[in-house]
């Protein structure tokens, strides 16, 4: 059975234009929330209450802004996520429709959304917040050292591990050994490390922590980034394979289809929305304009889900109820 009707680039771009416009509206609003509040947390916000405790950390270590810097990183990663999501959409406004580039950007959008949500999660202790920030800065310094792109990289790694020691926490690798400039993997500060991205994706997309959606999505997108055959299959319409003059050899159409694009948009918009909800709740920036943008994004997700379902075999009544609940639910 054919996977669908083949159209030219102009018609494809025209069909995706409403999606592109919706994503622009939402991502630009995400970018506008912080500046609208002067990029300063509201007085009665969780972030401001955390900042009131920062002097206690400064008395114990030479890191001058453990909470300030972690809040900053949460905002920076959210900005990156919004930029990736917008870039995904705008890749479909160019003369040449992408086959793989948008999927690589989708991977970055999901990873940055997970990290931003993790850094801005509201219901954590002050120590947990600082440990998360410290583990990220230590990870960054270690990457700089390994890539040899800046002088003194090893000293920066030692400086961040010293901050952990001053605060009474061990910086270790996955085996529990002291973290050093040449250590591999992601560092752990008192056992706290960057979350599993695939589990984080699941957390942002659905409320069932045991669901496999994060693993499946992350694995496929990673395969595209790594240029494996499994990843390159993403742009192949294998079901439309046609025989050639060579015995046993077939050709398949290669390109991008709207169903796949809609699925990716659903995931990256939802992930960004959840990361933004966490960030703005932490900072106390939940004003009417943001709430309207949040609801707008949720409606975009629902439309995409319904469009996808319309092209699938008719579900049973029970399946339809479960799918509607999944499309609307927000992770606990």
C-alpha atoms as a PDB file:
ATOM      1  CA  UNK A   1       0.000   0.000   0.000  1.00  0.00           C
ATOM      2  CA  UNK A   2       1.311   3.418  -0.878  1.00  0.00           C
ATOM      3  CA  UNK A   3       2.411   5.618   2.018  1.00  0.00           C
ATOM      4  CA  UNK A   4       0.664   8.631   0.531  1.00  0.00           C
ATOM      5  CA  UNK A   5       0.519  11.091  -2.319  1.00  0.00           C
ATOM      6  CA  UNK A   6       3.795  12.561  -3.552  1.00  0.00           C
ATOM      7  CA  UNK A   7       3.834  16.344  -3.972  1.00  0.00           C
ATOM      8  CA  UNK A   8       6.359  18.965  -4.989  1.00  0.00           C
ATOM      9  CA  UNK A   9       8.301  21.186  -2.601  1.00  0.00           C
ATOM     10  CA  UNK A  10       6.004  24.180  -3.079  1.00  0.00           C
ATOM     11  CA  UNK A  11       2.855  22.232  -2.246  1.00  0.00           C
ATOM     12  CA  UNK A  12       4.536  20.549   0.704  1.00  0.00           C
ATOM     13  CA  UNK A  13       5.676  23.879   2.144  1.00  0.00           C
ATOM     14  CA  UNK A  14       2.203  25.324   1.652  1.00  0.00           C
ATOM     15  CA  UNK A  15       0.623  22.392   3.483  1.00  0.00           C
ATOM     16  CA  UNK A  16       2.977  22.867   6.448  1.00  0.00           C
ATOM     17  CA  UNK A  17       2.678  26.648   6.556  1.00  0.00           C
ATOM     18  CA  UNK A  18       0.023  26.709   9.343  1.00  0.00           C
ATOM     19  CA  UNK A  19       2.230  24.478  11.501  1.00  0.00           C
ATOM     20  CA  UNK A  20       5.229  26.732  10.905  1.00  0.00           C
ATOM     21  CA  UNK A  21       3.178  29.794  11.866  1.00  0.00           C
ATOM     22  CA  UNK A  22       1.892  28.144  15.053  1.00  0.00           C
ATOM     23  CA  UNK A  23       5.398  27.207  16.165  1.00  0.00           C
ATOM     24  CA  UNK A  24       6.703  30.691  15.506  1.00  0.00           C
ATOM     25  CA  UNK A  25       3.930  32.177  17.642  1.00  0.00           C
ATOM     26  CA  UNK A  26       4.597  29.831  20.545  1.00  0.00           C
ATOM     27  CA  UNK A  27       8.396  29.897  20.538  1.00  0.00           C
ATOM     28  CA  UNK A  28       8.553  33.666  20.278  1.00  0.00           C
ATOM     29  CA  UNK A  29       6.219  33.912  23.266  1.00  0.00           C
ATOM     30  CA  UNK A  30       8.453  31.562  25.253  1.00  0.00           C
ATOM     31  CA  UNK A  31      11.380  33.851  24.435  1.00  0.00           C
ATOM     32  CA  UNK A  32       9.394  36.950  25.438  1.00  0.00           C
ATOM     33  CA  UNK A  33       8.328  35.882  28.937  1.00  0.00           C
ATOM     34  CA  UNK A  34      11.621  36.486  30.731  1.00  0.00           C
ATOM     35  CA  UNK A  35      12.395  39.891  29.187  1.00  0.00           C
ATOM     36  CA  UNK A  36       8.812  40.971  29.905  1.00  0.00           C
ATOM     37  CA  UNK A  37       9.641  40.566  33.606  1.00  0.00           C
ATOM     38  CA  UNK A  38      13.094  42.065  33.367  1.00  0.00           C
ATOM     39  CA  UNK A  39      14.556  38.547  33.614  1.00  0.00           C
ATOM     40  CA  UNK A  40      14.185  38.878  37.402  1.00  0.00           C
ATOM     41  CA  UNK A  41      12.119  36.416  39.454  1.00  0.00           C
ATOM     42  CA  UNK A  42       9.011  37.745  41.153  1.00  0.00           C
ATOM     43  CA  UNK A  43       9.357  38.609  44.801  1.00  0.00           C
ATOM     44  CA  UNK A  44       7.176  35.764  46.065  1.00  0.00           C
ATOM     45  CA  UNK A  45       8.456  33.154  43.597  1.00  0.00           C
ATOM     46  CA  UNK A  46      10.250  29.912  44.502  1.00  0.00           C
ATOM     47  CA  UNK A  47      13.344  31.244  42.727  1.00  0.00           C
ATOM     48  CA  UNK A  48      13.462  34.366  44.903  1.00  0.00           C
ATOM     49  CA  UNK A  49      13.124  32.277  48.051  1.00  0.00           C
ATOM     50  CA  UNK A  50      16.035  30.135  46.882  1.00  0.00           C
ATOM     51  CA  UNK A  51      18.155  33.206  46.185  1.00  0.00           C
ATOM     52  CA  UNK A  52      17.593  34.347  49.772  1.00  0.00           C
ATOM     53  CA  UNK A  53      19.528  31.257  50.859  1.00  0.00           C
ATOM     54  CA  UNK A  54      22.441  31.777  48.483  1.00  0.00           C
ATOM     55  CA  UNK A  55      24.706  33.534  51.027  1.00  0.00           C
ATOM     56  CA  UNK A  56      24.805  30.302  53.018  1.00  0.00           C
ATOM     57  CA  UNK A  57      26.413  28.526  50.085  1.00  0.00           C
ATOM     58  CA  UNK A  58      28.765  31.419  49.388  1.00  0.00           C
ATOM     59  CA  UNK A  59      30.087  31.169  52.948  1.00  0.00           C
ATOM     60  CA  UNK A  60      31.026  27.541  52.391  1.00  0.00           C
ATOM     61  CA  UNK A  61      32.669  27.691  48.968  1.00  0.00           C
ATOM     62  CA  UNK A  62      34.334  30.036  46.502  1.00  0.00           C
ATOM     63  CA  UNK A  63      31.538  29.655  43.949  1.00  0.00           C
ATOM     64  CA  UNK A  64      29.995  33.117  44.063  1.00  0.00           C
ATOM     65  CA  UNK A  65      26.576  32.333  42.579  1.00  0.00           C
ATOM     66  CA  UNK A  66      25.535  28.675  42.903  1.00  0.00           C
ATOM     67  CA  UNK A  67      21.795  29.363  42.800  1.00  0.00           C
ATOM     68  CA  UNK A  68      22.012  32.398  40.518  1.00  0.00           C
ATOM     69  CA  UNK A  69      24.128  30.488  38.003  1.00  0.00           C
ATOM     70  CA  UNK A  70      21.872  27.435  38.080  1.00  0.00           C
ATOM     71  CA  UNK A  71      18.798  29.611  37.491  1.00  0.00           C
ATOM     72  CA  UNK A  72      20.656  31.266  34.612  1.00  0.00           C
ATOM     73  CA  UNK A  73      21.494  27.907  33.056  1.00  0.00           C
ATOM     74  CA  UNK A  74      17.880  26.806  33.296  1.00  0.00           C
ATOM     75  CA  UNK A  75      16.860  29.886  31.322  1.00  0.00           C
ATOM     76  CA  UNK A  76      19.648  29.496  28.778  1.00  0.00           C
ATOM     77  CA  UNK A  77      18.750  25.874  28.032  1.00  0.00           C
ATOM     78  CA  UNK A  78      15.080  26.843  27.636  1.00  0.00           C
ATOM     79  CA  UNK A  79      16.057  29.537  25.158  1.00  0.00           C
ATOM     80  CA  UNK A  80      18.070  26.941  23.252  1.00  0.00           C
ATOM     81  CA  UNK A  81      15.088  24.571  23.223  1.00  0.00           C
ATOM     82  CA  UNK A  82      12.788  27.270  21.822  1.00  0.00           C
ATOM     83  CA  UNK A  83      15.365  28.115  19.172  1.00  0.00           C
ATOM     84  CA  UNK A  84      15.696  24.472  18.114  1.00  0.00           C
ATOM     85  CA  UNK A  85      11.920  24.063  17.888  1.00  0.00           C
ATOM     86  CA  UNK A  86      11.593  27.220  15.807  1.00  0.00           C
ATOM     87  CA  UNK A  87      14.495  26.129  13.574  1.00  0.00           C
ATOM     88  CA  UNK A  88      12.767  22.776  13.036  1.00  0.00           C
ATOM     89  CA  UNK A  89       9.678  24.569  11.746  1.00  0.00           C
ATOM     90  CA  UNK A  90      11.545  27.114   9.650  1.00  0.00           C
ATOM     91  CA  UNK A  91      13.484  24.380   7.882  1.00  0.00           C
ATOM     92  CA  UNK A  92      10.240  23.838   5.965  1.00  0.00           C
ATOM     93  CA  UNK A  93      10.237  27.366   4.590  1.00  0.00           C
ATOM     94  CA  UNK A  94      13.431  26.909   2.586  1.00  0.00           C
ATOM     95  CA  UNK A  95      13.641  26.072  -1.105  1.00  0.00           C
ATOM     96  CA  UNK A  96      14.849  22.528  -0.449  1.00  0.00           C
ATOM     97  CA  UNK A  97      12.684  20.443   1.918  1.00  0.00           C
ATOM     98  CA  UNK A  98      14.920  18.652   4.459  1.00  0.00           C
ATOM     99  CA  UNK A  99      15.099  14.881   4.638  1.00  0.00           C
ATOM    100  CA  UNK A 100      17.220  14.516   7.775  1.00  0.00           C
ATOM    101  CA  UNK A 101      18.243  17.954   9.022  1.00  0.00           C
ATOM    102  CA  UNK A 102      14.966  18.630  10.815  1.00  0.00           C
ATOM    103  CA  UNK A 103      15.279  15.325  12.689  1.00  0.00           C
ATOM    104  CA  UNK A 104      18.721  16.252  13.995  1.00  0.00           C
ATOM    105  CA  UNK A 105      17.258  19.542  15.235  1.00  0.00           C
ATOM    106  CA  UNK A 106      14.338  17.660  16.825  1.00  0.00           C
ATOM    107  CA  UNK A 107      16.851  15.609  18.813  1.00  0.00           C
ATOM    108  CA  UNK A 108      18.510  18.791  20.087  1.00  0.00           C
ATOM    109  CA  UNK A 109      15.108  20.292  20.941  1.00  0.00           C
ATOM    110  CA  UNK A 110      14.175  17.274  23.049  1.00  0.00           C
ATOM    111  CA  UNK A 111      17.521  17.092  24.854  1.00  0.00           C
ATOM    112  CA  UNK A 112      17.566  20.790  25.705  1.00  0.00           C
ATOM    113  CA  UNK A 113      13.940  20.633  26.905  1.00  0.00           C
ATOM    114  CA  UNK A 114      14.781  17.746  29.223  1.00  0.00           C
ATOM    115  CA  UNK A 115      17.838  19.505  30.662  1.00  0.00           C
ATOM    116  CA  UNK A 116      15.993  22.805  31.070  1.00  0.00           C
ATOM    117  CA  UNK A 117      13.065  21.125  32.826  1.00  0.00           C
ATOM    118  CA  UNK A 118      15.478  19.254  35.098  1.00  0.00           C
ATOM    119  CA  UNK A 119      17.322  22.434  36.062  1.00  0.00           C
ATOM    120  CA  UNK A 120      14.097  24.362  36.708  1.00  0.00           C
ATOM    121  CA  UNK A 121      11.980  21.686  38.377  1.00  0.00           C
ATOM    122  CA  UNK A 122      10.244  23.488  41.227  1.00  0.00           C
ATOM    123  CA  UNK A 123       9.671  20.747  43.786  1.00  0.00           C
ATOM    124  CA  UNK A 124      13.302  20.101  44.751  1.00  0.00           C
ATOM    125  CA  UNK A 125      15.488  21.174  47.653  1.00  0.00           C
ATOM    126  CA  UNK A 126      18.042  23.979  47.547  1.00  0.00           C
ATOM    127  CA  UNK A 127      20.884  21.470  47.758  1.00  0.00           C
ATOM    128  CA  UNK A 128      19.431  19.454  44.893  1.00  0.00           C
ATOM    129  CA  UNK A 129      19.216  22.585  42.738  1.00  0.00           C
ATOM    130  CA  UNK A 130      22.858  23.467  43.402  1.00  0.00           C
ATOM    131  CA  UNK A 131      24.011  19.887  42.807  1.00  0.00           C
ATOM    132  CA  UNK A 132      22.251  19.845  39.440  1.00  0.00           C
ATOM    133  CA  UNK A 133      23.815  23.123  38.420  1.00  0.00           C
ATOM    134  CA  UNK A 134      27.245  22.102  39.646  1.00  0.00           C
ATOM    135  CA  UNK A 135      27.097  18.787  37.790  1.00  0.00           C
ATOM    136  CA  UNK A 136      26.227  20.653  34.567  1.00  0.00           C
ATOM    137  CA  UNK A 137      29.044  23.180  34.895  1.00  0.00           C
ATOM    138  CA  UNK A 138      31.483  20.382  35.713  1.00  0.00           C
ATOM    139  CA  UNK A 139      30.255  18.432  32.693  1.00  0.00           C
ATOM    140  CA  UNK A 140      30.765  21.475  30.470  1.00  0.00           C
ATOM    141  CA  UNK A 141      34.284  22.066  31.795  1.00  0.00           C
ATOM    142  CA  UNK A 142      35.140  18.408  31.199  1.00  0.00           C
ATOM    143  CA  UNK A 143      33.894  18.631  27.606  1.00  0.00           C
ATOM    144  CA  UNK A 144      36.069  21.711  27.034  1.00  0.00           C
ATOM    145  CA  UNK A 145      39.090  19.835  28.385  1.00  0.00           C
ATOM    146  CA  UNK A 146      38.470  16.727  26.272  1.00  0.00           C
ATOM    147  CA  UNK A 147      37.990  18.754  23.097  1.00  0.00           C
ATOM    148  CA  UNK A 148      41.147  20.792  23.815  1.00  0.00           C
ATOM    149  CA  UNK A 149      39.531  23.982  22.601  1.00  0.00           C
ATOM    150  CA  UNK A 150      40.567  26.249  25.461  1.00  0.00           C
ATOM    151  CA  UNK A 151      43.730  26.617  27.492  1.00  0.00           C
ATOM    152  CA  UNK A 152      43.506  25.685  31.153  1.00  0.00           C
ATOM    153  CA  UNK A 153      40.578  23.300  30.687  1.00  0.00           C
ATOM    154  CA  UNK A 154      41.949  20.863  33.224  1.00  0.00           C
ATOM    155  CA  UNK A 155      42.213  23.585  35.849  1.00  0.00           C
ATOM    156  CA  UNK A 156      38.562  24.518  35.288  1.00  0.00           C
ATOM    157  CA  UNK A 157      37.545  20.920  35.926  1.00  0.00           C
ATOM    158  CA  UNK A 158      39.558  20.905  39.143  1.00  0.00           C
ATOM    159  CA  UNK A 159      37.980  24.206  40.175  1.00  0.00           C
ATOM    160  CA  UNK A 160      34.454  22.812  39.830  1.00  0.00           C
ATOM    161  CA  UNK A 161      35.325  19.616  41.688  1.00  0.00           C
ATOM    162  CA  UNK A 162      36.823  21.792  44.425  1.00  0.00           C
ATOM    163  CA  UNK A 163      33.492  23.630  44.751  1.00  0.00           C
ATOM    164  CA  UNK A 164      31.791  20.289  45.315  1.00  0.00           C
ATOM    165  CA  UNK A 165      34.359  19.347  47.960  1.00  0.00           C
ATOM    166  CA  UNK A 166      33.925  22.682  49.733  1.00  0.00           C
ATOM    167  CA  UNK A 167      30.182  22.074  49.916  1.00  0.00           C
ATOM    168  CA  UNK A 168      30.756  18.624  51.369  1.00  0.00           C
ATOM    169  CA  UNK A 169      29.854  16.670  48.230  1.00  0.00           C
ATOM    170  CA  UNK A 170      31.878  14.160  46.235  1.00  0.00           C
ATOM    171  CA  UNK A 171      32.236  14.643  42.471  1.00  0.00           C
ATOM    172  CA  UNK A 172      32.534  11.166  40.988  1.00  0.00           C
ATOM    173  CA  UNK A 173      32.178   9.127  37.820  1.00  0.00           C
ATOM    174  CA  UNK A 174      29.644   6.322  37.307  1.00  0.00           C
ATOM    175  CA  UNK A 175      31.901   3.898  39.210  1.00  0.00           C
ATOM    176  CA  UNK A 176      32.115   6.181  42.232  1.00  0.00           C
ATOM    177  CA  UNK A 177      35.705   7.157  41.535  1.00  0.00           C
ATOM    178  CA  UNK A 178      36.765  10.816  42.016  1.00  0.00           C
ATOM    179  CA  UNK A 179      36.023  12.906  38.947  1.00  0.00           C
ATOM    180  CA  UNK A 180      39.134  14.017  37.073  1.00  0.00           C
ATOM    181  CA  UNK A 181      39.718  15.966  33.838  1.00  0.00           C
ATOM    182  CA  UNK A 182      40.092  12.720  31.889  1.00  0.00           C
ATOM    183  CA  UNK A 183      37.029  11.018  33.401  1.00  0.00           C
ATOM    184  CA  UNK A 184      34.380   9.770  30.968  1.00  0.00           C
ATOM    185  CA  UNK A 185      30.623   9.926  30.963  1.00  0.00           C
ATOM    186  CA  UNK A 186      28.750  12.535  32.964  1.00  0.00           C
ATOM    187  CA  UNK A 187      29.904  13.635  36.417  1.00  0.00           C
ATOM    188  CA  UNK A 188      27.901  12.974  39.549  1.00  0.00           C
ATOM    189  CA  UNK A 189      27.798  15.486  42.381  1.00  0.00           C
ATOM    190  CA  UNK A 190      26.776  13.632  45.533  1.00  0.00           C
ATOM    191  CA  UNK A 191      25.112  11.130  43.192  1.00  0.00           C
ATOM    192  CA  UNK A 192      23.295  13.788  41.128  1.00  0.00           C
ATOM    193  CA  UNK A 193      23.959  13.785  37.377  1.00  0.00           C
ATOM    194  CA  UNK A 194      22.312  14.886  34.127  1.00  0.00           C
ATOM    195  CA  UNK A 195      19.181  12.781  33.691  1.00  0.00           C
ATOM    196  CA  UNK A 196      18.754  10.049  31.106  1.00  0.00           C
ATOM    197  CA  UNK A 197      17.482  11.929  28.068  1.00  0.00           C
ATOM    198  CA  UNK A 198      15.232   9.109  26.908  1.00  0.00           C
ATOM    199  CA  UNK A 199      13.614   8.831  30.337  1.00  0.00           C
ATOM    200  CA  UNK A 200      13.342  12.605  30.472  1.00  0.00           C
ATOM    201  CA  UNK A 201      11.550  12.660  27.122  1.00  0.00           C
ATOM    202  CA  UNK A 202       9.055  10.128  28.422  1.00  0.00           C
ATOM    203  CA  UNK A 203       8.544  12.274  31.525  1.00  0.00           C
ATOM    204  CA  UNK A 204       7.767  15.343  29.426  1.00  0.00           C
ATOM    205  CA  UNK A 205       5.490  13.613  26.923  1.00  0.00           C
ATOM    206  CA  UNK A 206       3.374  11.247  29.040  1.00  0.00           C
ATOM    207  CA  UNK A 207       2.580  10.577  32.689  1.00  0.00           C
ATOM    208  CA  UNK A 208       3.465   6.861  32.515  1.00  0.00           C
ATOM    209  CA  UNK A 209       7.112   6.628  33.557  1.00  0.00           C
ATOM    210  CA  UNK A 210       7.311   3.065  32.208  1.00  0.00           C
ATOM    211  CA  UNK A 211       6.240   4.059  28.680  1.00  0.00           C
ATOM    212  CA  UNK A 212       8.765   3.385  25.918  1.00  0.00           C
ATOM    213  CA  UNK A 213       8.084   6.506  23.847  1.00  0.00           C
ATOM    214  CA  UNK A 214      11.197   8.309  25.071  1.00  0.00           C
ATOM    215  CA  UNK A 215      13.505   5.382  24.334  1.00  0.00           C
ATOM    216  CA  UNK A 216      12.036   4.770  20.881  1.00  0.00           C
ATOM    217  CA  UNK A 217      12.084   8.437  19.891  1.00  0.00           C
ATOM    218  CA  UNK A 218      15.558   9.127  21.243  1.00  0.00           C
ATOM    219  CA  UNK A 219      17.018   5.991  19.680  1.00  0.00           C
ATOM    220  CA  UNK A 220      15.621   6.808  16.233  1.00  0.00           C
ATOM    221  CA  UNK A 221      16.705  10.445  16.307  1.00  0.00           C
ATOM    222  CA  UNK A 222      20.153   9.518  17.632  1.00  0.00           C
ATOM    223  CA  UNK A 223      20.520   7.030  14.793  1.00  0.00           C
ATOM    224  CA  UNK A 224      19.815   9.849  12.334  1.00  0.00           C
ATOM    225  CA  UNK A 225      22.494  12.011  13.966  1.00  0.00           C
ATOM    226  CA  UNK A 226      24.966   9.119  13.864  1.00  0.00           C
ATOM    227  CA  UNK A 227      24.193   8.472  10.187  1.00  0.00           C
ATOM    228  CA  UNK A 228      23.522   4.764  10.666  1.00  0.00           C
ATOM    229  CA  UNK A 229      21.442   2.872   8.133  1.00  0.00           C
ATOM    230  CA  UNK A 230      18.670   2.501  10.708  1.00  0.00           C
ATOM    231  CA  UNK A 231      18.592   6.277  11.039  1.00  0.00           C
ATOM    232  CA  UNK A 232      18.750   6.919   7.304  1.00  0.00           C
ATOM    233  CA  UNK A 233      15.716   4.686   6.850  1.00  0.00           C
ATOM    234  CA  UNK A 234      13.716   7.546   8.375  1.00  0.00           C
ATOM    235  CA  UNK A 235      13.453   9.184   4.958  1.00  0.00           C
ATOM    236  CA  UNK A 236      12.782   5.984   3.020  1.00  0.00           C
ATOM    237  CA  UNK A 237       9.292   4.873   1.962  1.00  0.00           C
ATOM    238  CA  UNK A 238      10.140   1.173   2.107  1.00  0.00           C
ATOM    239  CA  UNK A 239       6.497   0.204   1.541  1.00  0.00           C
ATOM    240  CA  UNK A 240       6.707   1.861  -1.890  1.00  0.00           C
ATOM    241  CA  UNK A 241       9.722  -0.156  -3.021  1.00  0.00           C
ATOM    242  CA  UNK A 242       9.718  -0.820  -6.771  1.00  0.00           C
ATOM    243  CA  UNK A 243      11.635  -3.527  -8.660  1.00  0.00           C
ATOM    244  CA  UNK A 244      14.474  -2.570 -10.991  1.00  0.00           C
ATOM    245  CA  UNK A 245      16.023  -4.297 -13.992  1.00  0.00           C
ATOM    246  CA  UNK A 246      18.568  -5.890 -11.679  1.00  0.00           C
ATOM    247  CA  UNK A 247      17.286  -9.136 -10.133  1.00  0.00           C
ATOM    248  CA  UNK A 248      16.602  -8.820  -6.402  1.00  0.00           C
ATOM    249  CA  UNK A 249      17.229  -5.078  -6.375  1.00  0.00           C
ATOM    250  CA  UNK A 250      14.523  -2.513  -5.629  1.00  0.00           C
ATOM    251  CA  UNK A 251      14.418   1.261  -5.368  1.00  0.00           C
ATOM    252  CA  UNK A 252      12.532   3.216  -2.747  1.00  0.00           C
ATOM    253  CA  UNK A 253      11.403   6.842  -2.725  1.00  0.00           C
ATOM    254  CA  UNK A 254      13.386   9.052  -0.358  1.00  0.00           C
ATOM    255  CA  UNK A 255      11.905  12.197   1.149  1.00  0.00           C
ATOM    256  CA  UNK A 256       9.911  13.691   3.996  1.00  0.00           C
ATOM    257  CA  UNK A 257       6.245  13.024   4.727  1.00  0.00           C
ATOM    258  CA  UNK A 258       3.776  15.202   6.579  1.00  0.00           C
ATOM    259  CA  UNK A 259       2.742  12.454   9.010  1.00  0.00           C
ATOM    260  CA  UNK A 260       6.311  12.072  10.269  1.00  0.00           C
ATOM    261  CA  UNK A 261       6.716  15.833  10.552  1.00  0.00           C
ATOM    262  CA  UNK A 262       3.473  16.152  12.535  1.00  0.00           C
ATOM    263  CA  UNK A 263       4.587  13.444  14.947  1.00  0.00           C
ATOM    264  CA  UNK A 264       7.879  15.208  15.589  1.00  0.00           C
ATOM    265  CA  UNK A 265       6.186  18.581  16.022  1.00  0.00           C
ATOM    266  CA  UNK A 266       3.770  17.114  18.551  1.00  0.00           C
ATOM    267  CA  UNK A 267       6.690  15.801  20.615  1.00  0.00           C
ATOM    268  CA  UNK A 268       8.993  18.823  20.485  1.00  0.00           C
ATOM    269  CA  UNK A 269       6.215  21.348  21.144  1.00  0.00           C
ATOM    270  CA  UNK A 270       4.942  19.355  24.111  1.00  0.00           C
ATOM    271  CA  UNK A 271       8.458  18.926  25.511  1.00  0.00           C
ATOM    272  CA  UNK A 272       9.150  22.653  25.150  1.00  0.00           C
ATOM    273  CA  UNK A 273       5.814  23.540  26.746  1.00  0.00           C
ATOM    274  CA  UNK A 274       6.549  21.352  29.773  1.00  0.00           C
ATOM    275  CA  UNK A 275      10.046  22.804  30.161  1.00  0.00           C
ATOM    276  CA  UNK A 276       8.652  26.337  29.928  1.00  0.00           C
ATOM    277  CA  UNK A 277       5.939  25.574  32.490  1.00  0.00           C
ATOM    278  CA  UNK A 278       8.623  24.467  34.949  1.00  0.00           C
ATOM    279  CA  UNK A 279      10.823  27.504  34.274  1.00  0.00           C
ATOM    280  CA  UNK A 280       8.087  30.099  34.576  1.00  0.00           C
ATOM    281  CA  UNK A 281       6.583  28.492  37.679  1.00  0.00           C
ATOM    282  CA  UNK A 282      10.015  28.627  39.330  1.00  0.00           C
ATOM    283  CA  UNK A 283      10.508  32.278  38.404  1.00  0.00           C
ATOM    284  CA  UNK A 284       6.927  33.347  39.157  1.00  0.00           C
ATOM    285  CA  UNK A 285       6.313  34.516  35.585  1.00  0.00           C
ATOM    286  CA  UNK A 286       2.939  32.843  35.071  1.00  0.00           C
ATOM    287  CA  UNK A 287       1.179  35.927  33.706  1.00  0.00           C
ATOM    288  CA  UNK A 288      -1.899  35.981  31.471  1.00  0.00           C
ATOM    289  CA  UNK A 289       0.125  36.257  28.264  1.00  0.00           C
ATOM    290  CA  UNK A 290       2.114  33.139  29.119  1.00  0.00           C
ATOM    291  CA  UNK A 291      -0.997  31.206  30.133  1.00  0.00           C
ATOM    292  CA  UNK A 292      -2.580  32.061  26.780  1.00  0.00           C
ATOM    293  CA  UNK A 293       0.540  30.878  24.940  1.00  0.00           C
ATOM    294  CA  UNK A 294       0.632  27.687  27.003  1.00  0.00           C
ATOM    295  CA  UNK A 295      -3.001  26.921  26.156  1.00  0.00           C
ATOM    296  CA  UNK A 296      -2.345  27.773  22.511  1.00  0.00           C
ATOM    297  CA  UNK A 297       0.490  25.227  22.378  1.00  0.00           C
ATOM    298  CA  UNK A 298      -1.647  22.576  24.035  1.00  0.00           C
ATOM    299  CA  UNK A 299      -4.325  23.099  21.376  1.00  0.00           C
ATOM    300  CA  UNK A 300      -1.676  22.817  18.656  1.00  0.00           C
ATOM    301  CA  UNK A 301      -0.623  19.474  20.130  1.00  0.00           C
ATOM    302  CA  UNK A 302      -4.208  18.264  20.225  1.00  0.00           C
ATOM    303  CA  UNK A 303      -4.792  19.236  16.586  1.00  0.00           C
ATOM    304  CA  UNK A 304      -1.650  17.394  15.526  1.00  0.00           C
ATOM    305  CA  UNK A 305      -2.683  14.327  17.476  1.00  0.00           C
ATOM    306  CA  UNK A 306      -6.147  14.320  15.961  1.00  0.00           C
ATOM    307  CA  UNK A 307      -4.735  14.786  12.458  1.00  0.00           C
ATOM    308  CA  UNK A 308      -2.419  11.830  12.966  1.00  0.00           C
ATOM    309  CA  UNK A 309      -5.200   9.643  14.342  1.00  0.00           C
ATOM    310  CA  UNK A 310      -7.462  10.510  11.409  1.00  0.00           C
ATOM    311  CA  UNK A 311      -5.025   8.758   9.106  1.00  0.00           C
ATOM    312  CA  UNK A 312      -4.871   5.585  11.190  1.00  0.00           C
ATOM    313  CA  UNK A 313      -7.236   2.562  11.323  1.00  0.00           C
ATOM    314  CA  UNK A 314     -10.357   3.319  13.345  1.00  0.00           C
ATOM    315  CA  UNK A 315      -9.686   2.528  17.043  1.00  0.00           C
ATOM    316  CA  UNK A 316     -12.076   0.857  19.427  1.00  0.00           C
ATOM    317  CA  UNK A 317     -14.066   3.100  21.785  1.00  0.00           C
ATOM    318  CA  UNK A 318     -11.730   2.172  24.648  1.00  0.00           C
ATOM    319  CA  UNK A 319      -8.611   2.958  22.599  1.00  0.00           C
ATOM    320  CA  UNK A 320     -10.088   6.291  21.510  1.00  0.00           C
ATOM    321  CA  UNK A 321     -10.746   7.294  25.132  1.00  0.00           C
ATOM    322  CA  UNK A 322      -7.200   6.323  26.153  1.00  0.00           C
ATOM    323  CA  UNK A 323      -5.643   8.218  23.229  1.00  0.00           C
ATOM    324  CA  UNK A 324      -7.643  11.369  23.933  1.00  0.00           C
ATOM    325  CA  UNK A 325      -6.549  11.242  27.581  1.00  0.00           C
ATOM    326  CA  UNK A 326      -2.923  10.759  26.518  1.00  0.00           C
ATOM    327  CA  UNK A 327      -3.061  13.709  24.137  1.00  0.00           C
ATOM    328  CA  UNK A 328      -4.458  16.054  26.805  1.00  0.00           C
ATOM    329  CA  UNK A 329      -2.687  14.907  29.945  1.00  0.00           C
ATOM    330  CA  UNK A 330       0.187  16.764  31.540  1.00  0.00           C
ATOM    331  CA  UNK A 331       2.892  14.717  33.304  1.00  0.00           C
ATOM    332  CA  UNK A 332       2.502  14.475  37.054  1.00  0.00           C
END
